[in-house]
N, C-alpha and C. Protein backbone atom coordinates (compact mmCIF):
# COMPACT_ATOMS: atom_id res chain seq x y z
N MET A 1 84.52 83.28 155.25
CA MET A 1 83.76 81.44 155.65
C MET A 1 84.84 80.53 154.49
N HIS A 2 86.25 79.95 154.82
CA HIS A 2 86.75 79.48 153.78
C HIS A 2 86.58 78.16 153.51
N TYR A 3 85.75 77.37 152.61
CA TYR A 3 85.79 75.75 152.81
C TYR A 3 86.18 75.44 151.40
N GLY A 4 87.36 76.19 150.64
CA GLY A 4 87.53 75.81 149.65
C GLY A 4 87.22 75.64 148.47
N GLU A 5 87.77 74.07 148.56
CA GLU A 5 86.83 73.75 146.63
C GLU A 5 85.44 74.00 147.14
N LEU A 6 84.66 73.31 147.62
CA LEU A 6 83.30 73.49 147.93
C LEU A 6 82.43 75.11 147.74
N GLU A 7 83.67 76.00 148.26
CA GLU A 7 83.05 77.39 148.91
C GLU A 7 82.97 77.81 147.34
N LYS A 8 83.23 77.63 146.55
CA LYS A 8 83.64 78.58 145.36
C LYS A 8 82.15 77.22 143.96
N LYS A 9 82.65 76.17 144.39
CA LYS A 9 81.25 75.90 143.73
C LYS A 9 80.04 76.32 144.20
N ILE A 10 80.29 76.83 145.62
CA ILE A 10 78.74 76.94 146.24
C ILE A 10 78.27 77.99 145.30
N THR A 11 79.26 79.00 145.50
CA THR A 11 79.00 80.44 145.11
C THR A 11 79.07 80.60 142.90
N GLY A 12 79.69 79.61 142.34
CA GLY A 12 79.27 80.09 141.37
C GLY A 12 77.78 79.09 141.01
N ILE A 13 77.64 78.52 141.57
CA ILE A 13 75.56 77.96 140.78
C ILE A 13 75.14 79.04 141.47
N LEU A 14 75.62 80.05 142.73
CA LEU A 14 74.58 81.18 143.05
C LEU A 14 74.27 81.45 142.09
N GLU A 15 75.71 82.07 141.44
CA GLU A 15 75.68 83.13 141.21
C GLU A 15 74.68 83.06 139.39
N LYS A 16 75.56 81.73 139.19
CA LYS A 16 74.95 80.92 137.82
C LYS A 16 72.80 80.99 138.02
N SER A 17 72.67 80.69 139.15
CA SER A 17 71.21 80.48 139.80
C SER A 17 70.83 81.82 139.62
N VAL A 18 70.94 82.58 140.23
CA VAL A 18 70.52 84.62 140.85
C VAL A 18 70.30 85.23 138.95
N LYS A 19 71.61 84.78 138.10
CA LYS A 19 71.54 85.05 136.91
C LYS A 19 70.15 85.09 136.19
N SER A 20 69.50 83.23 135.89
CA SER A 20 69.11 82.68 135.37
C SER A 20 67.36 83.17 136.52
N VAL A 21 67.14 83.71 137.56
CA VAL A 21 66.54 83.88 137.58
C VAL A 21 66.04 85.51 137.77
N PHE A 22 67.08 86.60 137.09
CA PHE A 22 66.89 87.36 137.05
C PHE A 22 66.66 87.70 135.46
N THR A 23 66.92 86.60 134.16
CA THR A 23 66.57 86.76 133.67
C THR A 23 64.76 85.74 133.22
N GLY A 24 64.84 85.11 133.93
CA GLY A 24 63.29 84.17 134.22
C GLY A 24 62.71 85.08 133.87
N LEU A 25 62.73 85.68 135.33
CA LEU A 25 61.53 87.73 135.33
C LEU A 25 61.78 88.16 134.25
N GLY A 26 63.77 88.58 133.53
CA GLY A 26 62.90 89.89 132.36
C GLY A 26 62.95 90.87 133.30
N ILE A 27 64.11 91.06 134.36
CA ILE A 27 64.75 91.63 134.71
C ILE A 27 66.29 92.09 134.88
N HIS A 28 67.07 93.33 133.70
CA HIS A 28 67.66 93.38 133.98
C HIS A 28 69.33 92.90 135.43
N THR A 29 69.86 92.12 135.06
CA THR A 29 70.85 91.62 136.33
C THR A 29 71.61 92.81 136.89
N PRO A 30 71.23 92.88 137.65
CA PRO A 30 72.28 94.25 138.77
C PRO A 30 73.88 93.96 138.69
N ALA A 31 74.47 94.93 138.12
CA ALA A 31 76.26 94.66 138.31
C ALA A 31 77.09 93.77 139.76
N THR A 32 77.63 92.61 139.01
CA THR A 32 78.65 91.72 139.39
C THR A 32 78.35 92.29 140.77
N HIS A 33 79.46 93.23 141.29
CA HIS A 33 79.39 93.81 142.67
C HIS A 33 78.25 93.92 143.48
N GLU A 34 76.99 93.80 143.04
CA GLU A 34 76.56 94.32 144.00
C GLU A 34 74.99 93.06 144.27
N LEU A 35 75.60 91.53 143.92
CA LEU A 35 74.91 90.96 143.55
C LEU A 35 76.15 89.53 144.31
N LYS A 36 77.65 90.32 145.10
CA LYS A 36 78.41 89.47 145.83
C LYS A 36 77.65 88.18 146.95
N VAL A 37 78.60 86.69 145.92
CA VAL A 37 77.75 85.88 147.24
C VAL A 37 78.61 86.28 148.76
N GLU A 38 77.67 86.36 149.45
CA GLU A 38 78.95 85.57 150.71
C GLU A 38 78.35 84.64 151.20
N LEU A 39 79.31 82.91 151.56
CA LEU A 39 78.55 82.55 152.16
C LEU A 39 78.95 82.95 154.42
N GLU A 40 78.58 82.33 154.62
CA GLU A 40 78.26 81.46 156.39
C GLU A 40 78.50 80.60 156.81
N ILE A 41 78.95 79.91 158.13
CA ILE A 41 78.13 79.00 159.23
C ILE A 41 77.19 79.75 160.31
N PRO A 42 75.47 78.83 159.46
CA PRO A 42 75.23 79.26 160.83
C PRO A 42 75.00 78.94 162.09
N LYS A 43 74.69 80.01 163.13
CA LYS A 43 74.81 79.51 164.44
C LYS A 43 74.00 78.73 164.71
N ASP A 44 72.83 78.36 163.69
CA ASP A 44 71.52 77.76 164.17
C ASP A 44 72.33 76.78 163.55
N ILE A 45 72.85 75.26 164.08
CA ILE A 45 72.76 73.89 162.64
C ILE A 45 71.58 73.98 162.06
N SER A 46 70.52 73.85 162.59
CA SER A 46 69.50 73.33 161.88
C SER A 46 69.07 74.56 160.59
N HIS A 47 70.12 75.43 160.94
CA HIS A 47 69.95 76.18 159.78
C HIS A 47 71.22 75.63 158.42
N GLY A 48 71.36 74.65 159.03
CA GLY A 48 72.48 73.80 157.79
C GLY A 48 74.01 74.35 157.84
N ASP A 49 75.06 73.37 157.03
CA ASP A 49 75.93 74.05 157.25
C ASP A 49 76.68 74.82 156.97
N ILE A 50 76.46 75.62 155.70
CA ILE A 50 76.22 76.46 154.74
C ILE A 50 75.45 77.27 154.46
N ALA A 51 75.54 78.98 154.73
CA ALA A 51 74.15 79.85 154.61
C ALA A 51 74.74 81.19 153.44
N ALA A 52 73.74 81.20 153.29
CA ALA A 52 73.38 82.18 151.98
C ALA A 52 72.96 83.70 152.35
N ASN A 53 73.21 85.29 151.83
CA ASN A 53 72.15 85.86 151.98
C ASN A 53 71.77 86.62 150.74
N ILE A 54 72.15 86.48 149.70
CA ILE A 54 72.49 86.53 148.19
C ILE A 54 70.76 86.68 147.98
N ALA A 55 69.82 86.29 148.55
CA ALA A 55 67.84 86.40 148.63
C ALA A 55 67.91 88.00 148.67
N MET A 56 68.82 87.85 149.90
CA MET A 56 68.02 89.70 150.59
C MET A 56 68.56 90.88 149.77
N LYS A 57 69.80 90.22 148.67
CA LYS A 57 70.22 91.18 148.64
C LYS A 57 69.78 91.47 146.84
N ALA A 58 69.61 90.43 146.20
CA ALA A 58 68.71 90.30 144.85
C ALA A 58 67.72 90.98 144.95
N ALA A 59 67.05 90.95 145.98
CA ALA A 59 65.19 91.05 145.68
C ALA A 59 64.51 92.10 146.18
N LYS A 60 66.14 92.69 146.49
CA LYS A 60 66.00 95.26 146.36
C LYS A 60 65.75 94.95 145.11
N PHE A 61 66.10 94.62 143.89
CA PHE A 61 66.45 94.55 142.42
C PHE A 61 65.59 93.94 141.91
N ALA A 62 64.91 92.77 142.11
CA ALA A 62 63.77 92.30 141.48
C ALA A 62 62.38 92.84 142.13
N ARG A 63 62.33 93.46 143.33
CA ARG A 63 60.89 94.65 143.73
C ARG A 63 60.90 93.36 144.85
N ARG A 64 60.42 92.19 144.85
CA ARG A 64 60.10 91.06 145.77
C ARG A 64 60.46 90.44 146.96
N PRO A 65 59.39 90.11 147.94
CA PRO A 65 60.76 89.63 149.47
C PRO A 65 61.38 88.32 148.93
N PRO A 66 62.22 89.43 150.14
CA PRO A 66 63.12 88.24 149.33
C PRO A 66 63.43 86.46 150.18
N ILE A 67 62.26 86.25 150.68
CA ILE A 67 62.07 85.21 150.06
C ILE A 67 61.31 84.11 149.80
N ASP A 68 60.35 84.77 148.72
CA ASP A 68 60.59 84.86 147.65
C ASP A 68 61.16 84.26 146.46
N PHE A 69 62.59 85.46 146.34
CA PHE A 69 63.18 85.03 145.38
C PHE A 69 64.20 84.22 146.12
N ALA A 70 64.79 83.58 147.07
CA ALA A 70 65.48 82.96 147.70
C ALA A 70 64.37 81.43 147.38
N ASN A 71 63.04 81.08 146.85
CA ASN A 71 62.50 79.97 146.96
C ASN A 71 62.51 80.19 144.63
N LEU A 72 63.18 80.81 144.27
CA LEU A 72 63.10 81.19 142.87
C LEU A 72 64.44 80.56 142.66
N ILE A 73 65.68 81.22 143.59
CA ILE A 73 66.86 81.25 143.88
C ILE A 73 67.40 79.25 143.15
N LYS A 74 66.23 78.71 144.39
CA LYS A 74 66.34 76.94 145.58
C LYS A 74 65.84 75.84 144.53
N ALA A 75 64.89 76.86 143.44
CA ALA A 75 64.47 76.14 142.17
C ALA A 75 65.43 75.62 141.20
N GLU A 76 66.68 76.89 140.97
CA GLU A 76 67.41 76.84 139.91
C GLU A 76 68.45 75.90 140.82
N LEU A 77 68.90 76.09 141.61
CA LEU A 77 70.16 75.80 142.40
C LEU A 77 69.37 73.81 142.02
N ASP A 78 68.47 73.35 142.16
CA ASP A 78 67.65 72.12 142.62
C ASP A 78 68.42 71.50 140.70
N GLN A 79 67.93 72.64 140.18
CA GLN A 79 68.18 71.68 138.77
C GLN A 79 69.53 72.01 138.29
N LYS A 80 69.93 72.87 138.62
CA LYS A 80 71.55 73.11 139.25
C LYS A 80 72.39 71.99 138.99
N LYS A 81 71.76 71.74 140.42
CA LYS A 81 72.83 71.18 141.01
C LYS A 81 73.05 69.19 140.42
N ALA A 82 71.69 69.34 140.40
CA ALA A 82 71.35 67.47 139.73
C ALA A 82 72.49 66.83 138.99
N SER A 83 73.19 68.09 138.01
CA SER A 83 73.94 67.36 136.60
C SER A 83 75.02 68.08 137.76
N SER A 84 75.93 68.69 138.03
CA SER A 84 76.90 69.15 138.61
C SER A 84 77.91 68.15 139.60
N PRO A 85 78.85 68.63 140.15
CA PRO A 85 80.01 67.50 141.05
C PRO A 85 79.26 68.29 142.06
N LEU A 86 78.49 69.40 142.50
CA LEU A 86 78.13 69.72 144.22
C LEU A 86 77.16 68.53 144.31
N ASN A 87 76.18 67.92 143.46
CA ASN A 87 75.40 66.86 143.87
C ASN A 87 75.87 65.76 144.97
N ASP A 88 77.18 65.43 144.67
CA ASP A 88 77.68 64.35 145.73
C ASP A 88 78.48 64.88 147.06
N MET A 89 78.18 66.63 147.56
CA MET A 89 78.69 67.62 148.10
C MET A 89 77.52 68.13 148.67
N ILE A 90 76.66 68.79 148.00
CA ILE A 90 75.69 68.87 149.61
C ILE A 90 74.34 68.01 148.88
N ASP A 91 73.80 67.45 150.82
CA ASP A 91 71.84 66.74 150.42
C ASP A 91 71.64 67.26 149.97
N ARG A 92 71.53 69.16 150.41
CA ARG A 92 70.33 69.77 150.34
C ARG A 92 69.85 71.29 150.51
N VAL A 93 68.96 71.43 149.90
CA VAL A 93 69.00 72.86 149.94
C VAL A 93 67.43 73.50 150.32
N GLU A 94 68.29 74.48 151.27
CA GLU A 94 66.50 75.05 151.74
C GLU A 94 66.83 76.60 152.11
N THR A 95 65.46 76.69 152.58
CA THR A 95 65.27 78.24 152.06
C THR A 95 64.34 78.61 153.98
N LYS A 96 64.92 80.04 153.93
CA LYS A 96 64.61 80.03 155.28
C LYS A 96 64.18 81.63 155.69
N PRO A 97 63.57 82.13 156.61
CA PRO A 97 63.35 83.78 156.33
C PRO A 97 64.27 83.73 156.91
N PRO A 98 64.47 85.64 156.69
CA PRO A 98 63.76 86.55 155.48
C PRO A 98 64.11 86.27 153.97
N GLY A 99 64.95 85.31 153.87
CA GLY A 99 65.63 84.99 152.96
C GLY A 99 66.89 84.25 152.69
N PHE A 100 66.97 83.39 153.25
CA PHE A 100 68.83 82.60 153.09
C PHE A 100 68.03 81.15 152.95
N ILE A 101 69.65 81.12 152.15
CA ILE A 101 69.58 79.40 151.54
C ILE A 101 70.34 78.95 152.34
N ASN A 102 70.13 77.73 152.83
CA ASN A 102 71.22 77.28 153.69
C ASN A 102 71.08 75.67 152.61
N PHE A 103 72.61 75.45 153.07
CA PHE A 103 72.97 74.26 152.94
C PHE A 103 73.30 72.99 152.95
N PHE A 104 73.20 71.51 152.81
CA PHE A 104 73.36 70.67 153.97
C PHE A 104 74.29 70.11 153.07
N VAL A 105 75.85 69.93 154.07
CA VAL A 105 76.49 68.94 153.11
C VAL A 105 76.44 67.26 153.14
N THR A 106 77.16 66.54 152.24
CA THR A 106 76.30 64.91 152.52
C THR A 106 77.89 64.93 153.01
N LYS A 107 77.22 63.62 154.27
CA LYS A 107 78.41 63.01 154.59
C LYS A 107 79.40 61.98 154.40
N LYS A 108 78.75 62.29 152.89
CA LYS A 108 79.92 61.12 151.54
C LYS A 108 81.65 62.82 151.56
N TYR A 109 80.58 63.69 151.76
CA TYR A 109 81.30 64.87 151.58
C TYR A 109 82.21 64.73 153.10
N LEU A 110 81.61 64.84 154.03
CA LEU A 110 82.47 65.37 155.05
C LEU A 110 83.81 64.42 155.60
N PHE A 111 83.50 62.79 155.06
CA PHE A 111 84.20 61.88 155.19
C PHE A 111 85.39 62.33 154.19
N LYS A 112 85.41 62.66 153.17
CA LYS A 112 86.07 62.45 152.78
C LYS A 112 87.63 63.92 152.41
N ILE A 113 86.42 64.68 153.37
CA ILE A 113 87.82 65.51 154.19
C ILE A 113 88.13 65.01 155.50
N LEU A 114 87.63 64.43 156.06
CA LEU A 114 88.26 64.01 157.32
C LEU A 114 89.38 62.96 157.39
N LEU A 115 89.39 62.09 156.09
CA LEU A 115 90.37 61.65 155.46
C LEU A 115 91.20 61.82 154.70
N GLU A 116 91.60 63.15 154.19
CA GLU A 116 92.21 64.16 153.71
C GLU A 116 93.15 64.62 154.70
N ILE A 117 92.28 64.81 155.37
CA ILE A 117 92.82 65.62 156.97
C ILE A 117 93.95 64.32 157.27
N LYS A 118 93.23 63.35 157.85
CA LYS A 118 94.13 62.46 158.29
C LYS A 118 95.50 62.40 157.29
N ARG A 119 95.38 61.82 156.34
CA ARG A 119 96.54 61.65 155.12
C ARG A 119 97.76 62.96 155.11
N ARG A 120 97.32 64.25 154.61
CA ARG A 120 98.07 65.20 155.07
C ARG A 120 98.66 65.59 156.60
N LYS A 121 97.84 65.10 157.48
CA LYS A 121 98.59 65.18 158.78
C LYS A 121 98.92 67.25 158.94
N ASP A 122 99.56 67.45 158.92
CA ASP A 122 100.24 68.64 160.03
C ASP A 122 100.83 69.11 158.69
N ASN A 123 100.16 68.75 157.39
CA ASN A 123 100.14 69.27 155.71
C ASN A 123 99.50 69.76 155.70
N PHE A 124 98.06 69.65 156.28
CA PHE A 124 97.04 69.83 155.43
C PHE A 124 96.35 71.34 155.49
N GLY A 125 96.04 71.80 154.40
CA GLY A 125 96.33 72.84 154.61
C GLY A 125 97.08 74.39 153.76
N ARG A 126 98.09 73.51 153.59
CA ARG A 126 99.62 74.19 153.21
C ARG A 126 99.27 74.52 152.51
N GLY A 127 99.96 76.06 151.75
CA GLY A 127 99.56 75.79 149.75
C GLY A 127 101.71 75.98 149.82
N SER A 128 102.38 76.16 149.09
CA SER A 128 103.30 76.83 148.44
C SER A 128 103.32 77.94 148.11
N ILE A 129 101.63 79.05 147.33
CA ILE A 129 102.03 80.34 146.68
C ILE A 129 102.90 81.37 147.77
N GLY A 130 103.72 81.65 146.41
CA GLY A 130 104.27 82.32 146.94
C GLY A 130 105.53 82.65 148.15
N ARG A 131 105.33 81.11 148.20
CA ARG A 131 107.50 80.81 149.23
C ARG A 131 108.58 81.12 148.65
N ALA A 132 109.54 82.01 149.01
CA ALA A 132 110.14 82.14 148.30
C ALA A 132 110.42 83.18 147.56
N ARG A 133 109.42 83.54 147.71
CA ARG A 133 109.67 85.06 146.91
C ARG A 133 109.43 86.96 147.85
N LYS A 134 109.98 87.40 147.27
CA LYS A 134 110.21 88.57 147.94
C LYS A 134 108.39 89.91 148.11
N ILE A 135 108.16 89.87 149.04
CA ILE A 135 107.34 90.83 149.10
C ILE A 135 108.08 92.19 148.48
N GLN A 136 108.37 92.48 149.42
CA GLN A 136 108.95 94.11 149.52
C GLN A 136 110.31 93.82 148.22
N GLY A 137 110.49 94.91 147.35
CA GLY A 137 111.62 94.71 147.33
C GLY A 137 112.31 95.76 147.63
N ASN A 138 113.28 95.70 146.98
CA ASN A 138 114.69 96.11 147.44
C ASN A 138 114.73 98.15 146.96
N SER A 139 114.62 99.06 148.05
CA SER A 139 114.54 100.18 147.30
C SER A 139 115.65 100.66 147.88
């Protein structure tokens, strides 16, 4: 899943929150590759716009039930979100068994993106990275 700016911000705040929970529990934080944050779009819209399963990955290192770890992460997220740019992008965060953390995007953010799509028309989502560069050298 790629939301661009929103995905980066959610991933960043989740990583910080997970580390804070481990520190708060007095447990050594596992290596970054073991706690890679993965976001997905839930199949059931009542589970939010974006979901993360990081609590299920992290819970095994903390030897706690995933839903308990998800609730600890959510408490950290709520604190960090209040003073971050995510506050205008994320309406609310919920946890659901077995340990999902679900994000609900604000209408304000969605309308901002829709206006950006309308403004850019066919150029929305296009980038210039790698243009006019050869990928393979001459052999």
